[in-house]
């Protein structure tokens, strides 16, 4: 338990440094965008490649992937029924709110949590792969089909998945793991050094994003939606993951702890990007991202206390 708390302490310490650096403007106005770009396009793919190249495929594609799929899908489906049929929201807005309630920040916060709290970045790989390769594209397809402003072909979605640097890094790492090829040290060492920049850059950019934001300030009529989405993301999603993993798959110990913690991650920031693009559910997406981001780490500490 002390190791888990120490991991959370490390994560929050770097987040607070990022908040301080961002508030003081030490790195300039565009620092958060630069750090986010560095982690997304360069450092995180390198880290995922190195981690997954040493992983066992059965640990990535077996039970943890099933939990990631079942937990996110069930959470989204239940929330969709609530907002569509009880709160009487439009179909596009219901889809976007369901996305806010179930799509986890598996990269910017998930990778650091996996490394420092769970002890291995590969623990977040099943969730990351499921979301980037399947879950997010399905939501975007549904939003395309229900809005008149956008239409995207299946080929464009496939290309979007294949061009995602996180997917590329993960896929190459899994190929290496599956073939058993030993990457030469001369190649692996620079990859290791570049990947080492991912976590501190992620967490500092994450901390910078927390400055100056206040949730629940606009569109009071959607406060209930926001609070429900936040509760589903931080409570219902991990609860479903726990029940499914423990009683359907018989998982226990560290494996059970890992899938529940990764299910407790806050709403992904790209939900707000999607909401802005489709011009629906923007307030709920923005506020849910902020609320779950602020509350997620204390909530995960509570999960850790319950499971250890």
Protein backbone atom coordinates (compact mmCIF):
# COMPACT_ATOMS: atom_id res chain seq x y z
CA UNK A 1 0.00 0.00 0.00
CA UNK A 2 2.85 2.41 0.78
CA UNK A 3 4.24 1.76 -2.69
CA UNK A 4 0.89 2.66 -4.27
CA UNK A 5 0.64 5.89 -2.27
CA UNK A 6 4.24 6.72 -3.13
CA UNK A 7 3.38 6.31 -6.81
CA UNK A 8 0.44 8.68 -6.53
CA UNK A 9 2.66 11.15 -4.64
CA UNK A 10 5.17 11.16 -7.50
CA UNK A 11 2.42 11.72 -10.05
CA UNK A 12 0.81 14.58 -8.15
CA UNK A 13 4.17 16.20 -7.43
CA UNK A 14 4.95 16.49 -11.13
CA UNK A 15 1.41 17.70 -11.86
CA UNK A 16 1.84 20.46 -9.27
CA UNK A 17 5.16 21.45 -10.83
CA UNK A 18 3.36 21.72 -14.16
CA UNK A 19 0.68 23.91 -12.59
CA UNK A 20 3.34 26.19 -11.10
CA UNK A 21 5.32 26.41 -14.35
CA UNK A 22 2.15 27.13 -16.33
CA UNK A 23 0.85 29.75 -13.92
CA UNK A 24 4.17 31.59 -13.89
CA UNK A 25 4.52 31.38 -17.66
CA UNK A 26 8.08 30.09 -17.33
CA UNK A 27 8.03 28.16 -20.61
CA UNK A 28 5.93 30.62 -22.60
CA UNK A 29 2.35 30.71 -23.81
CA UNK A 30 2.52 27.62 -26.02
CA UNK A 31 4.35 25.35 -23.59
CA UNK A 32 1.40 23.02 -22.98
CA UNK A 33 0.79 22.49 -26.69
CA UNK A 34 4.48 21.83 -27.31
CA UNK A 35 4.76 19.33 -24.45
CA UNK A 36 1.54 17.60 -25.49
CA UNK A 37 2.77 17.34 -29.07
CA UNK A 38 6.10 15.94 -27.92
CA UNK A 39 4.44 13.24 -25.84
CA UNK A 40 1.77 12.30 -28.39
CA UNK A 41 3.88 12.16 -31.55
CA UNK A 42 7.34 11.20 -30.25
CA UNK A 43 7.89 10.20 -26.63
CA UNK A 44 4.78 8.12 -25.85
CA UNK A 45 5.04 5.94 -28.98
CA UNK A 46 8.67 5.26 -28.06
CA UNK A 47 7.72 4.35 -24.49
CA UNK A 48 4.89 2.09 -25.63
CA UNK A 49 7.11 0.38 -28.19
CA UNK A 50 9.80 -0.39 -25.62
CA UNK A 51 7.31 -1.55 -22.98
CA UNK A 52 5.17 -3.74 -25.22
CA UNK A 53 8.17 -5.25 -27.02
CA UNK A 54 9.01 -6.91 -23.69
CA UNK A 55 5.43 -7.83 -22.73
CA UNK A 56 3.69 -11.19 -22.98
CA UNK A 57 0.92 -11.06 -25.56
CA UNK A 58 -1.44 -13.05 -23.37
CA UNK A 59 -1.16 -10.35 -20.71
CA UNK A 60 -2.22 -7.67 -23.20
CA UNK A 61 -4.90 -9.39 -25.27
CA UNK A 62 -6.50 -11.71 -22.74
CA UNK A 63 -8.55 -10.74 -19.69
CA UNK A 64 -7.45 -7.06 -19.39
CA UNK A 65 -8.62 -6.31 -22.92
CA UNK A 66 -11.98 -7.97 -22.21
CA UNK A 67 -12.38 -5.86 -19.07
CA UNK A 68 -11.49 -2.68 -20.95
CA UNK A 69 -14.07 -3.47 -23.63
CA UNK A 70 -16.84 -4.62 -21.29
CA UNK A 71 -16.40 -1.82 -18.76
CA UNK A 72 -16.36 1.03 -21.28
CA UNK A 73 -19.15 -0.39 -23.45
CA UNK A 74 -21.50 -1.10 -20.53
CA UNK A 75 -20.88 2.31 -18.97
CA UNK A 76 -21.56 4.09 -22.26
CA UNK A 77 -24.70 2.05 -22.95
CA UNK A 78 -26.25 2.63 -19.52
CA UNK A 79 -25.49 6.33 -19.59
CA UNK A 80 -26.87 6.66 -23.12
CA UNK A 81 -30.21 5.20 -22.01
CA UNK A 82 -30.37 7.68 -19.11
CA UNK A 83 -29.61 10.83 -21.09
CA UNK A 84 -31.60 9.86 -24.19
CA UNK A 85 -34.77 8.46 -22.65
CA UNK A 86 -34.90 9.97 -19.14
CA UNK A 87 -33.30 13.39 -19.70
CA UNK A 88 -34.69 13.58 -23.28
CA UNK A 89 -31.50 14.82 -24.93
CA UNK A 90 -30.99 14.69 -28.69
CA UNK A 91 -29.29 11.66 -30.22
CA UNK A 92 -25.99 13.43 -31.03
CA UNK A 93 -25.84 15.03 -27.57
CA UNK A 94 -26.62 11.69 -25.91
CA UNK A 95 -23.78 10.06 -27.85
CA UNK A 96 -21.35 12.80 -26.85
CA UNK A 97 -22.38 12.66 -23.20
CA UNK A 98 -21.97 8.87 -23.23
CA UNK A 99 -18.50 9.36 -24.67
CA UNK A 100 -17.72 11.78 -21.81
CA UNK A 101 -18.86 9.18 -19.27
CA UNK A 102 -16.85 6.25 -20.62
CA UNK A 103 -13.76 7.31 -22.60
CA UNK A 104 -10.72 7.31 -20.30
CA UNK A 105 -7.54 9.38 -20.45
CA UNK A 106 -5.43 6.31 -21.15
CA UNK A 107 -2.40 8.25 -22.41
CA UNK A 108 -1.67 11.54 -20.65
CA UNK A 109 -2.57 10.25 -17.19
CA UNK A 110 -2.97 6.53 -17.81
CA UNK A 111 0.65 5.86 -18.75
CA UNK A 112 2.13 7.68 -15.72
CA UNK A 113 -0.32 5.95 -13.37
CA UNK A 114 0.54 2.59 -14.91
CA UNK A 115 4.27 3.19 -14.45
CA UNK A 116 4.36 4.71 -10.98
CA UNK A 117 1.33 3.09 -9.31
CA UNK A 118 0.96 -0.24 -11.14
CA UNK A 119 4.66 -0.69 -11.85
CA UNK A 120 4.49 -1.30 -15.62
CA UNK A 121 3.21 0.78 -18.56
CA UNK A 122 1.89 -2.37 -20.22
CA UNK A 123 -1.03 -2.39 -17.74
CA UNK A 124 -2.65 0.50 -19.59
CA UNK A 125 -1.98 -0.91 -23.06
CA UNK A 126 -5.22 -2.97 -23.35
CA UNK A 127 -7.36 0.06 -22.51
CA UNK A 128 -5.36 2.32 -24.81
CA UNK A 129 -5.50 -0.10 -27.73
CA UNK A 130 -9.23 -0.76 -27.31
CA UNK A 131 -10.07 2.93 -27.15
CA UNK A 132 -7.87 4.12 -30.01
CA UNK A 133 -8.54 1.22 -32.37
CA UNK A 134 -12.22 0.49 -31.68
CA UNK A 135 -14.14 2.54 -29.12
CA UNK A 136 -13.36 6.09 -30.26
CA UNK A 137 -13.83 5.34 -34.00
CA UNK A 138 -17.22 3.75 -33.27
CA UNK A 139 -18.38 6.86 -31.43
CA UNK A 140 -17.15 9.10 -34.23
CA UNK A 141 -18.89 6.97 -36.83
CA UNK A 142 -22.15 7.26 -34.88
CA UNK A 143 -21.73 11.02 -34.55
CA UNK A 144 -21.01 11.28 -38.27
CA UNK A 145 -24.17 9.35 -39.02
CA UNK A 146 -26.36 11.53 -36.77
CA UNK A 147 -25.11 14.99 -37.73
CA UNK A 148 -25.54 16.68 -41.07
CA UNK A 149 -22.29 18.65 -40.93
CA UNK A 150 -19.88 15.72 -41.25
CA UNK A 151 -19.66 12.49 -43.19
CA UNK A 152 -16.64 10.22 -42.94
CA UNK A 153 -16.03 7.07 -44.96
CA UNK A 154 -14.90 3.79 -43.37
CA UNK A 155 -11.60 4.10 -45.26
CA UNK A 156 -10.87 7.43 -43.60
CA UNK A 157 -11.52 5.89 -40.18
CA UNK A 158 -9.14 3.03 -40.91
CA UNK A 159 -6.47 5.50 -42.03
CA UNK A 160 -7.10 7.59 -38.91
CA UNK A 161 -6.42 4.53 -36.74
CA UNK A 162 -3.33 3.48 -38.67
CA UNK A 163 -1.86 6.99 -38.60
CA UNK A 164 -2.23 7.37 -34.83
CA UNK A 165 1.33 7.37 -33.41
CA UNK A 166 0.19 5.61 -30.22
CA UNK A 167 -1.25 2.76 -32.27
CA UNK A 168 1.86 2.59 -34.47
CA UNK A 169 4.20 2.43 -31.47
CA UNK A 170 2.04 -0.14 -29.72
CA UNK A 171 1.63 -2.27 -32.85
CA UNK A 172 5.36 -2.35 -33.57
CA UNK A 173 6.08 -3.28 -29.97
CA UNK A 174 3.55 -6.11 -30.08
CA UNK A 175 5.06 -7.39 -33.34
CA UNK A 176 8.48 -7.53 -31.67
CA UNK A 177 7.00 -9.30 -28.64
CA UNK A 178 5.14 -11.78 -30.83
CA UNK A 179 8.15 -12.67 -32.97
CA UNK A 180 10.58 -12.82 -30.07
CA UNK A 181 13.06 -10.59 -31.92
CA UNK A 182 15.67 -8.96 -29.71
CA UNK A 183 16.00 -5.30 -30.64
CA UNK A 184 19.72 -4.39 -30.83
CA UNK A 185 20.90 -2.15 -28.00
CA UNK A 186 22.13 0.41 -30.51
CA UNK A 187 18.52 0.89 -31.66
CA UNK A 188 16.80 0.40 -28.32
CA UNK A 189 18.91 2.87 -26.33
CA UNK A 190 17.78 6.05 -28.16
CA UNK A 191 14.19 4.76 -28.08
CA UNK A 192 14.57 4.29 -24.33
CA UNK A 193 15.92 7.82 -23.85
CA UNK A 194 13.16 9.40 -25.95
CA UNK A 195 10.49 7.36 -24.17
CA UNK A 196 11.86 8.57 -20.84
CA UNK A 197 10.66 12.08 -21.70
CA UNK A 198 7.04 10.95 -22.04
CA UNK A 199 5.89 10.78 -18.44
CA UNK A 200 7.33 14.02 -17.03
CA UNK A 201 6.24 15.94 -20.14
CA UNK A 202 2.74 14.41 -19.97
CA UNK A 203 2.24 15.25 -16.32
CA UNK A 204 3.61 18.78 -16.60
CA UNK A 205 1.35 19.49 -19.58
CA UNK A 206 -1.51 17.95 -17.59
CA UNK A 207 -0.76 20.27 -14.67
CA UNK A 208 -0.63 23.30 -16.95
CA UNK A 209 -4.09 22.44 -18.30
CA UNK A 210 -5.60 22.73 -14.81
CA UNK A 211 -4.80 26.43 -14.45
CA UNK A 212 -7.69 28.87 -14.70
CA UNK A 213 -10.48 26.41 -15.52
CA UNK A 214 -13.78 26.46 -13.64
CA UNK A 215 -16.45 23.82 -14.25
CA UNK A 216 -20.23 24.25 -14.14
CA UNK A 217 -20.08 27.97 -14.98
CA UNK A 218 -22.08 27.89 -18.21
CA UNK A 219 -25.30 26.28 -19.40
CA UNK A 220 -26.85 25.53 -16.02
CA UNK A 221 -29.37 23.30 -17.76
CA UNK A 222 -26.63 20.74 -18.37
CA UNK A 223 -25.18 20.62 -14.86
CA UNK A 224 -27.06 17.41 -14.09
CA UNK A 225 -25.66 15.80 -17.24
CA UNK A 226 -22.14 16.83 -16.27
CA UNK A 227 -22.40 15.59 -12.71
CA UNK A 228 -23.91 12.29 -13.84
CA UNK A 229 -21.23 11.81 -16.50
CA UNK A 230 -18.51 12.51 -13.94
CA UNK A 231 -20.02 10.05 -11.47
CA UNK A 232 -20.31 7.38 -14.15
CA UNK A 233 -16.70 7.85 -15.20
CA UNK A 234 -15.21 7.80 -11.70
CA UNK A 235 -17.58 5.39 -9.91
CA UNK A 236 -19.77 3.35 -12.26
CA UNK A 237 -17.07 2.54 -14.83
CA UNK A 238 -14.58 1.10 -12.31
CA UNK A 239 -17.41 -0.67 -10.45
CA UNK A 240 -18.51 -2.43 -13.64
CA UNK A 241 -14.89 -3.31 -14.41
CA UNK A 242 -14.46 -4.77 -10.93
CA UNK A 243 -17.62 -6.89 -11.07
CA UNK A 244 -16.85 -8.20 -14.55
CA UNK A 245 -13.17 -8.89 -13.81
CA UNK A 246 -13.72 -10.45 -10.39
CA UNK A 247 -16.84 -12.54 -10.94
CA UNK A 248 -16.94 -13.19 -14.70
CA UNK A 249 -13.23 -13.68 -15.31
CA UNK A 250 -12.04 -14.66 -11.83
CA UNK A 251 -9.28 -12.04 -11.73
CA UNK A 252 -7.69 -11.16 -8.41
CA UNK A 253 -4.62 -9.60 -6.86
CA UNK A 254 -2.47 -7.23 -8.92
CA UNK A 255 -4.27 -8.06 -12.16
CA UNK A 256 -7.65 -7.09 -10.68
CA UNK A 257 -6.18 -3.97 -9.10
CA UNK A 258 -4.68 -2.88 -12.43
CA UNK A 259 -7.87 -3.17 -14.50
CA UNK A 260 -9.95 -1.33 -11.88
CA UNK A 261 -7.43 1.51 -11.51
CA UNK A 262 -7.16 2.01 -15.28
CA UNK A 263 -10.97 2.06 -15.48
CA UNK A 264 -10.94 4.86 -12.89
CA UNK A 265 -8.97 7.20 -15.14
CA UNK A 266 -10.62 10.58 -15.91
CA UNK A 267 -12.40 11.48 -19.12
CA UNK A 268 -10.06 11.83 -22.08
CA UNK A 269 -9.37 15.38 -23.23
CA UNK A 270 -10.04 14.48 -26.87
CA UNK A 271 -13.73 14.11 -25.96
CA UNK A 272 -13.87 17.91 -25.81
CA UNK A 273 -12.12 18.08 -29.18
CA UNK A 274 -14.79 15.81 -30.69
CA UNK A 275 -17.59 17.80 -29.07
CA UNK A 276 -16.19 21.02 -30.54
CA UNK A 277 -15.93 19.45 -33.98
CA UNK A 278 -19.51 18.15 -34.01
CA UNK A 279 -20.85 21.19 -32.12
CA UNK A 280 -22.83 19.09 -29.68
CA UNK A 281 -22.46 18.39 -25.97
CA UNK A 282 -19.58 20.88 -25.70
CA UNK A 283 -20.37 22.07 -22.17
CA UNK A 284 -20.85 18.58 -20.77
CA UNK A 285 -17.65 17.35 -22.43
CA UNK A 286 -15.53 20.29 -21.24
CA UNK A 287 -16.80 20.24 -17.66
CA UNK A 288 -16.67 16.45 -17.34
CA UNK A 289 -13.06 16.44 -18.49
CA UNK A 290 -12.18 19.07 -15.90
CA UNK A 291 -14.12 17.59 -12.97
CA UNK A 292 -12.92 14.03 -13.50
CA UNK A 293 -9.35 15.23 -14.08
CA UNK A 294 -9.27 17.05 -10.74
CA UNK A 295 -11.05 14.31 -8.78
CA UNK A 296 -9.56 11.23 -10.48
CA UNK A 297 -6.34 10.84 -8.52
CA UNK A 298 -8.05 11.09 -5.09
CA UNK A 299 -10.70 8.68 -6.41
CA UNK A 300 -8.03 6.22 -7.54
CA UNK A 301 -6.37 6.45 -4.13
CA UNK A 302 -9.76 5.45 -2.67
CA UNK A 303 -9.90 2.51 -5.08
CA UNK A 304 -6.41 1.52 -4.02
CA UNK A 305 -7.38 1.61 -0.35
CA UNK A 306 -10.42 -0.57 -1.03
CA UNK A 307 -8.54 -3.19 -3.06
CA UNK A 308 -5.32 -3.46 -1.05
